[in-house]
PDB file of N, CA and C in Angstrom:
ATOM      1  N   UNK A   1      -0.649   6.851   2.938  1.00  0.00           N
ATOM      2  CA  UNK A   1      -1.110   5.556   2.339  1.00  0.00           C
ATOM      3  C   UNK A   1      -0.131   4.510   2.611  1.00  0.00           C
ATOM      4  N   UNK A   2      -0.516   3.380   2.904  1.00  0.00           N
ATOM      5  CA  UNK A   2       0.408   2.248   3.100  1.00  0.00           C
ATOM      6  C   UNK A   2       1.139   1.869   1.853  1.00  0.00           C
ATOM      7  N   UNK A   3       2.338   1.271   1.841  1.00  0.00           N
ATOM      8  CA  UNK A   3       3.114   0.953   0.666  1.00  0.00           C
ATOM      9  C   UNK A   3       2.314  -0.059  -0.217  1.00  0.00           C
ATOM     10  N   UNK A   4       1.583  -0.905   0.432  1.00  0.00           N
ATOM     11  CA  UNK A   4       0.779  -2.005  -0.239  1.00  0.00           C
ATOM     12  C   UNK A   4      -0.786  -1.649   0.036  1.00  0.00           C
ATOM     13  N   UNK A   5      -1.603  -2.024  -0.931  1.00  0.00           N
ATOM     14  CA  UNK A   5      -2.991  -1.824  -0.709  1.00  0.00           C
ATOM     15  C   UNK A   5      -3.583  -2.528   0.478  1.00  0.00           C
ATOM     16  N   UNK A   6      -4.498  -2.013   1.133  1.00  0.00           N
ATOM     17  CA  UNK A   6      -5.158  -2.718   2.241  1.00  0.00           C
ATOM     18  C   UNK A   6      -6.051  -3.833   1.765  1.00  0.00           C
ATOM     19  N   UNK A   7      -5.787  -5.069   2.290  1.00  0.00           N
ATOM     20  CA  UNK A   7      -6.388  -6.257   1.683  1.00  0.00           C
ATOM     21  C   UNK A   7      -7.788  -6.544   2.142  1.00  0.00           C
ATOM     22  N   UNK A   8      -8.413  -5.721   3.111  1.00  0.00           N
ATOM     23  CA  UNK A   8      -9.748  -6.010   3.567  1.00  0.00           C
ATOM     24  C   UNK A   8     -10.699  -4.950   2.966  1.00  0.00           C
ATOM     25  N   UNK A   9     -11.816  -5.429   2.514  1.00  0.00           N
ATOM     26  CA  UNK A   9     -12.862  -4.461   2.008  1.00  0.00           C
ATOM     27  C   UNK A   9     -13.622  -3.926   3.148  1.00  0.00           C
ATOM     28  N   UNK A  10     -14.256  -2.720   2.871  1.00  0.00           N
ATOM     29  CA  UNK A  10     -15.003  -2.055   3.921  1.00  0.00           C
ATOM     30  C   UNK A  10     -16.429  -2.058   3.565  1.00  0.00           C
ATOM     31  N   UNK A  11     -17.354  -2.141   4.510  1.00  0.00           N
ATOM     32  CA  UNK A  11     -18.760  -2.192   4.222  1.00  0.00           C
ATOM     33  C   UNK A  11     -19.272  -0.762   3.879  1.00  0.00           C
ATOM     34  N   UNK A  12     -18.658   0.271   4.589  1.00  0.00           N
ATOM     35  CA  UNK A  12     -19.148   1.587   4.388  1.00  0.00           C
ATOM     36  C   UNK A  12     -17.954   2.542   4.249  1.00  0.00           C
ATOM     37  N   UNK A  13     -18.216   3.622   3.563  1.00  0.00           N
ATOM     38  CA  UNK A  13     -17.126   4.611   3.390  1.00  0.00           C
ATOM     39  C   UNK A  13     -17.651   6.028   3.956  1.00  0.00           C
ATOM     40  N   UNK A  14     -16.842   6.933   4.378  1.00  0.00           N
ATOM     41  CA  UNK A  14     -17.187   8.153   4.857  1.00  0.00           C
ATOM     42  C   UNK A  14     -16.700   9.145   3.696  1.00  0.00           C
ATOM     43  N   UNK A  15     -17.554  10.082   3.326  1.00  0.00           N
ATOM     44  CA  UNK A  15     -17.196  11.093   2.350  1.00  0.00           C
ATOM     45  C   UNK A  15     -17.554  12.457   2.851  1.00  0.00           C
ATOM     46  N   UNK A  16     -16.667  13.380   2.601  1.00  0.00           N
ATOM     47  CA  UNK A  16     -16.832  14.787   3.080  1.00  0.00           C
ATOM     48  C   UNK A  16     -16.263  15.685   1.961  1.00  0.00           C
ATOM     49  N   UNK A  17     -16.951  16.850   1.860  1.00  0.00           N
ATOM     50  CA  UNK A  17     -16.486  17.882   0.967  1.00  0.00           C
ATOM     51  C   UNK A  17     -15.479  18.767   1.735  1.00  0.00           C
ATOM     52  N   UNK A  18     -14.302  18.950   1.241  1.00  0.00           N
ATOM     53  CA  UNK A  18     -13.311  19.906   1.813  1.00  0.00           C
ATOM     54  C   UNK A  18     -12.918  20.945   0.835  1.00  0.00           C
ATOM     55  N   UNK A  19     -12.128  21.824   1.184  1.00  0.00           N
ATOM     56  CA  UNK A  19     -11.591  22.924   0.338  1.00  0.00           C
ATOM     57  C   UNK A  19     -10.853  22.321  -0.886  1.00  0.00           C
ATOM     58  N   UNK A  20     -10.124  21.229  -0.668  1.00  0.00           N
ATOM     59  CA  UNK A  20      -9.280  20.728  -1.718  1.00  0.00           C
ATOM     60  C   UNK A  20     -10.081  19.803  -2.599  1.00  0.00           C
ATOM     61  N   UNK A  21     -11.166  19.106  -2.132  1.00  0.00           N
ATOM     62  CA  UNK A  21     -11.881  18.205  -2.907  1.00  0.00           C
ATOM     63  C   UNK A  21     -12.684  17.217  -2.008  1.00  0.00           C
ATOM     64  N   UNK A  22     -13.162  16.191  -2.554  1.00  0.00           N
ATOM     65  CA  UNK A  22     -13.889  15.134  -1.803  1.00  0.00           C
ATOM     66  C   UNK A  22     -12.948  14.211  -1.098  1.00  0.00           C
ATOM     67  N   UNK A  23     -13.109  14.215   0.256  1.00  0.00           N
ATOM     68  CA  UNK A  23     -12.272  13.197   1.105  1.00  0.00           C
ATOM     69  C   UNK A  23     -13.059  11.985   1.343  1.00  0.00           C
ATOM     70  N   UNK A  24     -12.358  10.835   1.117  1.00  0.00           N
ATOM     71  CA  UNK A  24     -12.982   9.529   1.433  1.00  0.00           C
ATOM     72  C   UNK A  24     -12.025   8.690   2.287  1.00  0.00           C
ATOM     73  N   UNK A  25     -12.749   8.020   3.230  1.00  0.00           N
ATOM     74  CA  UNK A  25     -11.961   7.118   4.104  1.00  0.00           C
ATOM     75  C   UNK A  25     -12.927   5.907   4.596  1.00  0.00           C
ATOM     76  N   UNK A  26     -12.344   4.852   5.013  1.00  0.00           N
ATOM     77  CA  UNK A  26     -13.195   3.785   5.536  1.00  0.00           C
ATOM     78  C   UNK A  26     -13.988   4.163   6.842  1.00  0.00           C
ATOM     79  N   UNK A  27     -15.274   3.647   6.835  1.00  0.00           N
ATOM     80  CA  UNK A  27     -16.079   3.912   8.049  1.00  0.00           C
ATOM     81  C   UNK A  27     -16.075   2.736   8.929  1.00  0.00           C
ATOM     82  N   UNK A  28     -15.513   2.884  10.171  1.00  0.00           N
ATOM     83  CA  UNK A  28     -15.522   1.882  11.170  1.00  0.00           C
ATOM     84  C   UNK A  28     -16.241   2.365  12.350  1.00  0.00           C
ATOM     85  N   UNK A  29     -17.483   1.876  12.591  1.00  0.00           N
ATOM     86  CA  UNK A  29     -18.268   2.456  13.763  1.00  0.00           C
ATOM     87  C   UNK A  29     -17.622   2.299  15.037  1.00  0.00           C
ATOM     88  N   UNK A  30     -17.703   3.495  15.815  1.00  0.00           N
ATOM     89  CA  UNK A  30     -17.139   3.500  17.148  1.00  0.00           C
ATOM     90  C   UNK A  30     -15.641   3.685  17.215  1.00  0.00           C
ATOM     91  N   UNK A  31     -15.005   3.963  16.072  1.00  0.00           N
ATOM     92  CA  UNK A  31     -13.571   4.019  16.050  1.00  0.00           C
ATOM     93  C   UNK A  31     -13.064   5.411  15.365  1.00  0.00           C
ATOM     94  N   UNK A  32     -12.240   6.122  16.031  1.00  0.00           N
ATOM     95  CA  UNK A  32     -11.679   7.269  15.463  1.00  0.00           C
ATOM     96  C   UNK A  32     -10.097   7.051  15.053  1.00  0.00           C
ATOM     97  N   UNK A  33      -9.753   5.909  14.945  1.00  0.00           N
ATOM     98  CA  UNK A  33      -8.371   5.477  14.634  1.00  0.00           C
ATOM     99  C   UNK A  33      -8.007   5.703  13.198  1.00  0.00           C
ATOM    100  N   UNK A  34      -9.032   5.649  12.245  1.00  0.00           N
ATOM    101  CA  UNK A  34      -8.693   5.795  10.814  1.00  0.00           C
ATOM    102  C   UNK A  34      -8.293   7.184  10.577  1.00  0.00           C
ATOM    103  N   UNK A  35      -7.038   7.449  10.155  1.00  0.00           N
ATOM    104  CA  UNK A  35      -6.501   8.809   9.725  1.00  0.00           C
ATOM    105  C   UNK A  35      -6.257   8.872   8.353  1.00  0.00           C
ATOM    106  N   UNK A  36      -5.980   7.737   7.693  1.00  0.00           N
ATOM    107  CA  UNK A  36      -5.665   7.845   6.273  1.00  0.00           C
ATOM    108  C   UNK A  36      -6.944   8.033   5.399  1.00  0.00           C
ATOM    109  N   UNK A  37      -6.785   8.830   4.423  1.00  0.00           N
ATOM    110  CA  UNK A  37      -7.854   9.077   3.485  1.00  0.00           C
ATOM    111  C   UNK A  37      -7.332   9.492   2.068  1.00  0.00           C
ATOM    112  N   UNK A  38      -8.244   9.442   1.058  1.00  0.00           N
ATOM    113  CA  UNK A  38      -7.778   9.903  -0.234  1.00  0.00           C
ATOM    114  C   UNK A  38      -8.791  11.062  -0.597  1.00  0.00           C
ATOM    115  N   UNK A  39      -8.222  11.995  -1.445  1.00  0.00           N
ATOM    116  CA  UNK A  39      -8.938  13.132  -1.736  1.00  0.00           C
ATOM    117  C   UNK A  39      -9.082  13.206  -3.346  1.00  0.00           C
ATOM    118  N   UNK A  40     -10.335  13.306  -3.764  1.00  0.00           N
ATOM    119  CA  UNK A  40     -10.562  13.491  -5.219  1.00  0.00           C
ATOM    120  C   UNK A  40     -10.771  15.023  -5.418  1.00  0.00           C
ATOM    121  N   UNK A  41      -9.774  15.625  -6.122  1.00  0.00           N
ATOM    122  CA  UNK A  41      -9.711  17.077  -6.272  1.00  0.00           C
ATOM    123  C   UNK A  41     -10.771  17.690  -7.075  1.00  0.00           C
ATOM    124  N   UNK A  42     -11.141  19.028  -6.777  1.00  0.00           N
ATOM    125  CA  UNK A  42     -12.106  19.706  -7.583  1.00  0.00           C
ATOM    126  C   UNK A  42     -11.401  20.105  -8.839  1.00  0.00           C
ATOM    127  N   UNK A  43     -12.200  20.279  -9.939  1.00  0.00           N
ATOM    128  CA  UNK A  43     -11.645  20.818 -11.131  1.00  0.00           C
ATOM    129  C   UNK A  43     -12.043  19.968 -12.359  1.00  0.00           C
ATOM    130  N   UNK A  44     -11.522  20.504 -13.522  1.00  0.00           N
ATOM    131  CA  UNK A  44     -11.896  19.947 -14.781  1.00  0.00           C
ATOM    132  C   UNK A  44     -11.359  18.513 -14.875  1.00  0.00           C
ATOM    133  N   UNK A  45     -10.013  18.316 -14.507  1.00  0.00           N
ATOM    134  CA  UNK A  45      -9.375  17.013 -14.562  1.00  0.00           C
ATOM    135  C   UNK A  45      -9.444  16.388 -13.138  1.00  0.00           C
ATOM    136  N   UNK A  46      -9.672  15.144 -12.992  1.00  0.00           N
ATOM    137  CA  UNK A  46      -9.906  14.419 -11.733  1.00  0.00           C
ATOM    138  C   UNK A  46      -8.479  13.867 -11.380  1.00  0.00           C
ATOM    139  N   UNK A  47      -8.081  14.211 -10.182  1.00  0.00           N
ATOM    140  CA  UNK A  47      -6.879  13.723  -9.584  1.00  0.00           C
ATOM    141  C   UNK A  47      -7.185  13.168  -8.205  1.00  0.00           C
ATOM    142  N   UNK A  48      -6.700  11.911  -7.846  1.00  0.00           N
ATOM    143  CA  UNK A  48      -6.798  11.341  -6.640  1.00  0.00           C
ATOM    144  C   UNK A  48      -5.440  11.309  -5.952  1.00  0.00           C
ATOM    145  N   UNK A  49      -5.490  11.889  -4.690  1.00  0.00           N
ATOM    146  CA  UNK A  49      -4.205  11.981  -3.926  1.00  0.00           C
ATOM    147  C   UNK A  49      -4.376  11.761  -2.418  1.00  0.00           C
ATOM    148  N   UNK A  50      -3.409  11.687  -1.726  1.00  0.00           N
ATOM    149  CA  UNK A  50      -3.510  11.451  -0.241  1.00  0.00           C
ATOM    150  C   UNK A  50      -2.749  12.678   0.419  1.00  0.00           C
ATOM    151  N   UNK A  51      -3.455  13.782   0.701  1.00  0.00           N
ATOM    152  CA  UNK A  51      -2.826  14.974   1.138  1.00  0.00           C
ATOM    153  C   UNK A  51      -2.280  14.891   2.532  1.00  0.00           C
ATOM    154  N   UNK A  52      -2.721  13.890   3.400  1.00  0.00           N
ATOM    155  CA  UNK A  52      -2.114  13.729   4.693  1.00  0.00           C
ATOM    156  C   UNK A  52      -2.493  14.838   5.652  1.00  0.00           C
ATOM    157  N   UNK A  53      -3.566  15.528   5.505  1.00  0.00           N
ATOM    158  CA  UNK A  53      -4.015  16.579   6.428  1.00  0.00           C
ATOM    159  C   UNK A  53      -4.972  16.063   7.267  1.00  0.00           C
ATOM    160  N   UNK A  54      -5.273  16.767   8.405  1.00  0.00           N
ATOM    161  CA  UNK A  54      -6.326  16.279   9.382  1.00  0.00           C
ATOM    162  C   UNK A  54      -7.640  17.087   8.981  1.00  0.00           C
ATOM    163  N   UNK A  55      -8.700  16.378   9.228  1.00  0.00           N
ATOM    164  CA  UNK A  55     -10.090  16.954   8.967  1.00  0.00           C
ATOM    165  C   UNK A  55     -11.027  16.562  10.129  1.00  0.00           C
ATOM    166  N   UNK A  56     -12.043  17.434  10.393  1.00  0.00           N
ATOM    167  CA  UNK A  56     -13.056  17.138  11.334  1.00  0.00           C
ATOM    168  C   UNK A  56     -14.108  16.193  10.643  1.00  0.00           C
ATOM    169  N   UNK A  57     -14.103  14.913  10.905  1.00  0.00           N
ATOM    170  CA  UNK A  57     -14.953  14.008  10.216  1.00  0.00           C
ATOM    171  C   UNK A  57     -16.352  13.814  10.851  1.00  0.00           C
ATOM    172  N   UNK A  58     -16.651  14.689  11.823  1.00  0.00           N
ATOM    173  CA  UNK A  58     -17.997  14.668  12.427  1.00  0.00           C
ATOM    174  C   UNK A  58     -19.150  14.907  11.677  1.00  0.00           C
ATOM    175  N   UNK A  59     -18.915  15.664  10.534  1.00  0.00           N
ATOM    176  CA  UNK A  59     -20.019  16.055   9.551  1.00  0.00           C
ATOM    177  C   UNK A  59     -19.908  15.342   8.295  1.00  0.00           C
ATOM    178  N   UNK A  60     -19.410  14.130   8.268  1.00  0.00           N
ATOM    179  CA  UNK A  60     -19.263  13.336   7.028  1.00  0.00           C
ATOM    180  C   UNK A  60     -20.533  12.574   6.714  1.00  0.00           C
ATOM    181  N   UNK A  61     -20.642  12.137   5.484  1.00  0.00           N
ATOM    182  CA  UNK A  61     -21.750  11.349   5.050  1.00  0.00           C
ATOM    183  C   UNK A  61     -21.247   9.876   4.851  1.00  0.00           C
ATOM    184  N   UNK A  62     -22.031   8.888   5.399  1.00  0.00           N
ATOM    185  CA  UNK A  62     -21.652   7.507   5.263  1.00  0.00           C
ATOM    186  C   UNK A  62     -22.307   6.985   4.009  1.00  0.00           C
ATOM    187  N   UNK A  63     -21.540   6.261   3.146  1.00  0.00           N
ATOM    188  CA  UNK A  63     -22.114   5.658   1.900  1.00  0.00           C
ATOM    189  C   UNK A  63     -21.665   4.222   1.858  1.00  0.00           C
ATOM    190  N   UNK A  64     -22.215   3.509   0.881  1.00  0.00           N
ATOM    191  CA  UNK A  64     -21.876   2.095   0.701  1.00  0.00           C
ATOM    192  C   UNK A  64     -20.634   1.903  -0.132  1.00  0.00           C
ATOM    193  N   UNK A  65     -20.375   2.800  -1.119  1.00  0.00           N
ATOM    194  CA  UNK A  65     -19.372   2.630  -1.988  1.00  0.00           C
ATOM    195  C   UNK A  65     -19.282   3.566  -3.038  1.00  0.00           C
ATOM    196  N   UNK A  66     -18.227   3.464  -3.955  1.00  0.00           N
ATOM    197  CA  UNK A  66     -18.045   4.335  -5.037  1.00  0.00           C
ATOM    198  C   UNK A  66     -18.099   3.459  -6.258  1.00  0.00           C
ATOM    199  N   UNK A  67     -18.849   3.747  -7.217  1.00  0.00           N
ATOM    200  CA  UNK A  67     -18.984   2.955  -8.487  1.00  0.00           C
ATOM    201  C   UNK A  67     -17.888   3.527  -9.488  1.00  0.00           C
ATOM    202  N   UNK A  68     -17.650   4.785  -9.494  1.00  0.00           N
ATOM    203  CA  UNK A  68     -16.447   5.171 -10.371  1.00  0.00           C
ATOM    204  C   UNK A  68     -16.730   6.755 -10.750  1.00  0.00           C
ATOM    205  N   UNK A  69     -15.903   7.168 -11.586  1.00  0.00           N
ATOM    206  CA  UNK A  69     -16.023   8.654 -12.078  1.00  0.00           C
ATOM    207  C   UNK A  69     -16.402   8.632 -13.451  1.00  0.00           C
ATOM    208  N   UNK A  70     -17.458   9.269 -13.835  1.00  0.00           N
ATOM    209  CA  UNK A  70     -18.038   9.280 -15.271  1.00  0.00           C
ATOM    210  C   UNK A  70     -17.544  10.713 -15.889  1.00  0.00           C
ATOM    211  N   UNK A  71     -16.576  10.543 -16.793  1.00  0.00           N
ATOM    212  CA  UNK A  71     -16.097  11.825 -17.545  1.00  0.00           C
ATOM    213  C   UNK A  71     -16.980  12.094 -18.755  1.00  0.00           C
ATOM    214  N   UNK A  72     -17.515  13.297 -18.809  1.00  0.00           N
ATOM    215  CA  UNK A  72     -18.253  13.755 -20.001  1.00  0.00           C
ATOM    216  C   UNK A  72     -17.621  14.845 -20.579  1.00  0.00           C
ATOM    217  N   UNK A  73     -18.075  15.423 -21.683  1.00  0.00           N
ATOM    218  CA  UNK A  73     -17.342  16.558 -22.308  1.00  0.00           C
ATOM    219  C   UNK A  73     -17.258  17.762 -21.479  1.00  0.00           C
ATOM    220  N   UNK A  74     -18.235  18.035 -20.624  1.00  0.00           N
ATOM    221  CA  UNK A  74     -18.320  19.355 -20.008  1.00  0.00           C
ATOM    222  C   UNK A  74     -17.885  19.224 -18.437  1.00  0.00           C
ATOM    223  N   UNK A  75     -18.058  17.925 -17.894  1.00  0.00           N
ATOM    224  CA  UNK A  75     -17.736  17.917 -16.498  1.00  0.00           C
ATOM    225  C   UNK A  75     -17.595  16.373 -16.122  1.00  0.00           C
ATOM    226  N   UNK A  76     -17.215  16.174 -14.919  1.00  0.00           N
ATOM    227  CA  UNK A  76     -17.094  14.787 -14.355  1.00  0.00           C
ATOM    228  C   UNK A  76     -18.156  14.572 -13.298  1.00  0.00           C
ATOM    229  N   UNK A  77     -18.667  13.322 -13.059  1.00  0.00           N
ATOM    230  CA  UNK A  77     -19.530  12.917 -12.000  1.00  0.00           C
ATOM    231  C   UNK A  77     -19.027  11.835 -11.315  1.00  0.00           C
ATOM    232  N   UNK A  78     -19.106  11.881 -10.027  1.00  0.00           N
ATOM    233  CA  UNK A  78     -18.711  10.769  -9.065  1.00  0.00           C
ATOM    234  C   UNK A  78     -19.930  10.006  -8.714  1.00  0.00           C
ATOM    235  N   UNK A  79     -19.954   8.697  -9.149  1.00  0.00           N
ATOM    236  CA  UNK A  79     -21.143   7.736  -8.961  1.00  0.00           C
ATOM    237  C   UNK A  79     -20.990   7.077  -7.658  1.00  0.00           C
ATOM    238  N   UNK A  80     -22.004   7.312  -6.672  1.00  0.00           N
ATOM    239  CA  UNK A  80     -21.889   6.781  -5.349  1.00  0.00           C
ATOM    240  C   UNK A  80     -23.080   5.858  -5.178  1.00  0.00           C
ATOM    241  N   UNK A  81     -22.917   4.823  -4.192  1.00  0.00           N
ATOM    242  CA  UNK A  81     -24.059   3.958  -3.751  1.00  0.00           C
ATOM    243  C   UNK A  81     -24.336   4.572  -2.331  1.00  0.00           C
ATOM    244  N   UNK A  82     -25.522   5.054  -2.270  1.00  0.00           N
ATOM    245  CA  UNK A  82     -26.071   5.622  -1.039  1.00  0.00           C
ATOM    246  C   UNK A  82     -26.810   4.627  -0.149  1.00  0.00           C
ATOM    247  N   UNK A  83     -27.558   3.705  -0.816  1.00  0.00           N
ATOM    248  CA  UNK A  83     -28.393   2.760  -0.022  1.00  0.00           C
ATOM    249  C   UNK A  83     -28.431   1.500  -0.758  1.00  0.00           C
ATOM    250  N   UNK A  84     -28.654   0.436  -0.014  1.00  0.00           N
ATOM    251  CA  UNK A  84     -28.773  -1.017  -0.642  1.00  0.00           C
ATOM    252  C   UNK A  84     -29.819  -1.773   0.115  1.00  0.00           C
ATOM    253  N   UNK A  85     -30.465  -2.494  -0.715  1.00  0.00           N
ATOM    254  CA  UNK A  85     -31.612  -3.359  -0.059  1.00  0.00           C
ATOM    255  C   UNK A  85     -31.259  -4.794  -0.362  1.00  0.00           C
ATOM    256  N   UNK A  86     -31.132  -5.632   0.732  1.00  0.00           N
ATOM    257  CA  UNK A  86     -30.865  -7.060   0.562  1.00  0.00           C
ATOM    258  C   UNK A  86     -32.142  -7.771   0.033  1.00  0.00           C
ATOM    259  N   UNK A  87     -32.030  -8.433  -1.011  1.00  0.00           N
ATOM    260  CA  UNK A  87     -33.260  -9.140  -1.736  1.00  0.00           C
ATOM    261  C   UNK A  87     -33.107 -10.618  -1.584  1.00  0.00           C
ATOM    262  N   UNK A  88     -31.966 -11.204  -1.422  1.00  0.00           N
ATOM    263  CA  UNK A  88     -31.916 -12.669  -1.379  1.00  0.00           C
ATOM    264  C   UNK A  88     -30.474 -12.998  -0.903  1.00  0.00           C
ATOM    265  N   UNK A  89     -30.291 -14.303  -0.752  1.00  0.00           N
ATOM    266  CA  UNK A  89     -29.035 -14.908  -0.469  1.00  0.00           C
ATOM    267  C   UNK A  89     -28.634 -15.937  -1.519  1.00  0.00           C
ATOM    268  N   UNK A  90     -27.390 -15.968  -1.755  1.00  0.00           N
ATOM    269  CA  UNK A  90     -26.832 -16.975  -2.721  1.00  0.00           C
ATOM    270  C   UNK A  90     -25.476 -17.505  -2.182  1.00  0.00           C
ATOM    271  N   UNK A  91     -25.461 -18.703  -1.867  1.00  0.00           N
ATOM    272  CA  UNK A  91     -24.289 -19.375  -1.157  1.00  0.00           C
ATOM    273  C   UNK A  91     -23.818 -18.524   0.030  1.00  0.00           C
ATOM    274  N   UNK A  92     -24.747 -18.173   0.797  1.00  0.00           N
ATOM    275  CA  UNK A  92     -24.490 -17.442   2.047  1.00  0.00           C
ATOM    276  C   UNK A  92     -23.820 -16.034   1.831  1.00  0.00           C
ATOM    277  N   UNK A  93     -24.235 -15.409   0.705  1.00  0.00           N
ATOM    278  CA  UNK A  93     -23.835 -14.141   0.358  1.00  0.00           C
ATOM    279  C   UNK A  93     -25.039 -13.242   0.076  1.00  0.00           C
ATOM    280  N   UNK A  94     -25.210 -12.136   0.599  1.00  0.00           N
ATOM    281  CA  UNK A  94     -26.333 -11.181   0.337  1.00  0.00           C
ATOM    282  C   UNK A  94     -26.308 -10.721  -1.168  1.00  0.00           C
ATOM    283  N   UNK A  95     -27.520 -10.658  -1.665  1.00  0.00           N
ATOM    284  CA  UNK A  95     -27.608  -9.972  -3.065  1.00  0.00           C
ATOM    285  C   UNK A  95     -28.396  -8.719  -2.754  1.00  0.00           C
ATOM    286  N   UNK A  96     -27.787  -7.648  -3.248  1.00  0.00           N
ATOM    287  CA  UNK A  96     -28.392  -6.407  -2.982  1.00  0.00           C
ATOM    288  C   UNK A  96     -28.927  -5.809  -4.349  1.00  0.00           C
ATOM    289  N   UNK A  97     -29.983  -4.984  -4.137  1.00  0.00           N
ATOM    290  CA  UNK A  97     -30.586  -4.312  -5.219  1.00  0.00           C
ATOM    291  C   UNK A  97     -30.302  -2.934  -5.200  1.00  0.00           C
TER     292      UNK A  97
END
């Protein structure tokens, strides 16, 4: 991870299940240059880390984003945005449903 947060937002993310947890990284079409990723570990308590290991990202799933982690009494859920539909424009910005 860089010492400061990356200042640009990404349109899509890549997510992949690994032995350590769910790995997430920015999706840049046609580029294999992105090597940094974060890992949300498996288990009762959620931990987010940057393990710095290499993975084969050819079988990843592309998503629009992560809403958050919902913690309930028995388990946690990762809330993802899988698809979006543009319904209108407001001040040259797409409004998605």
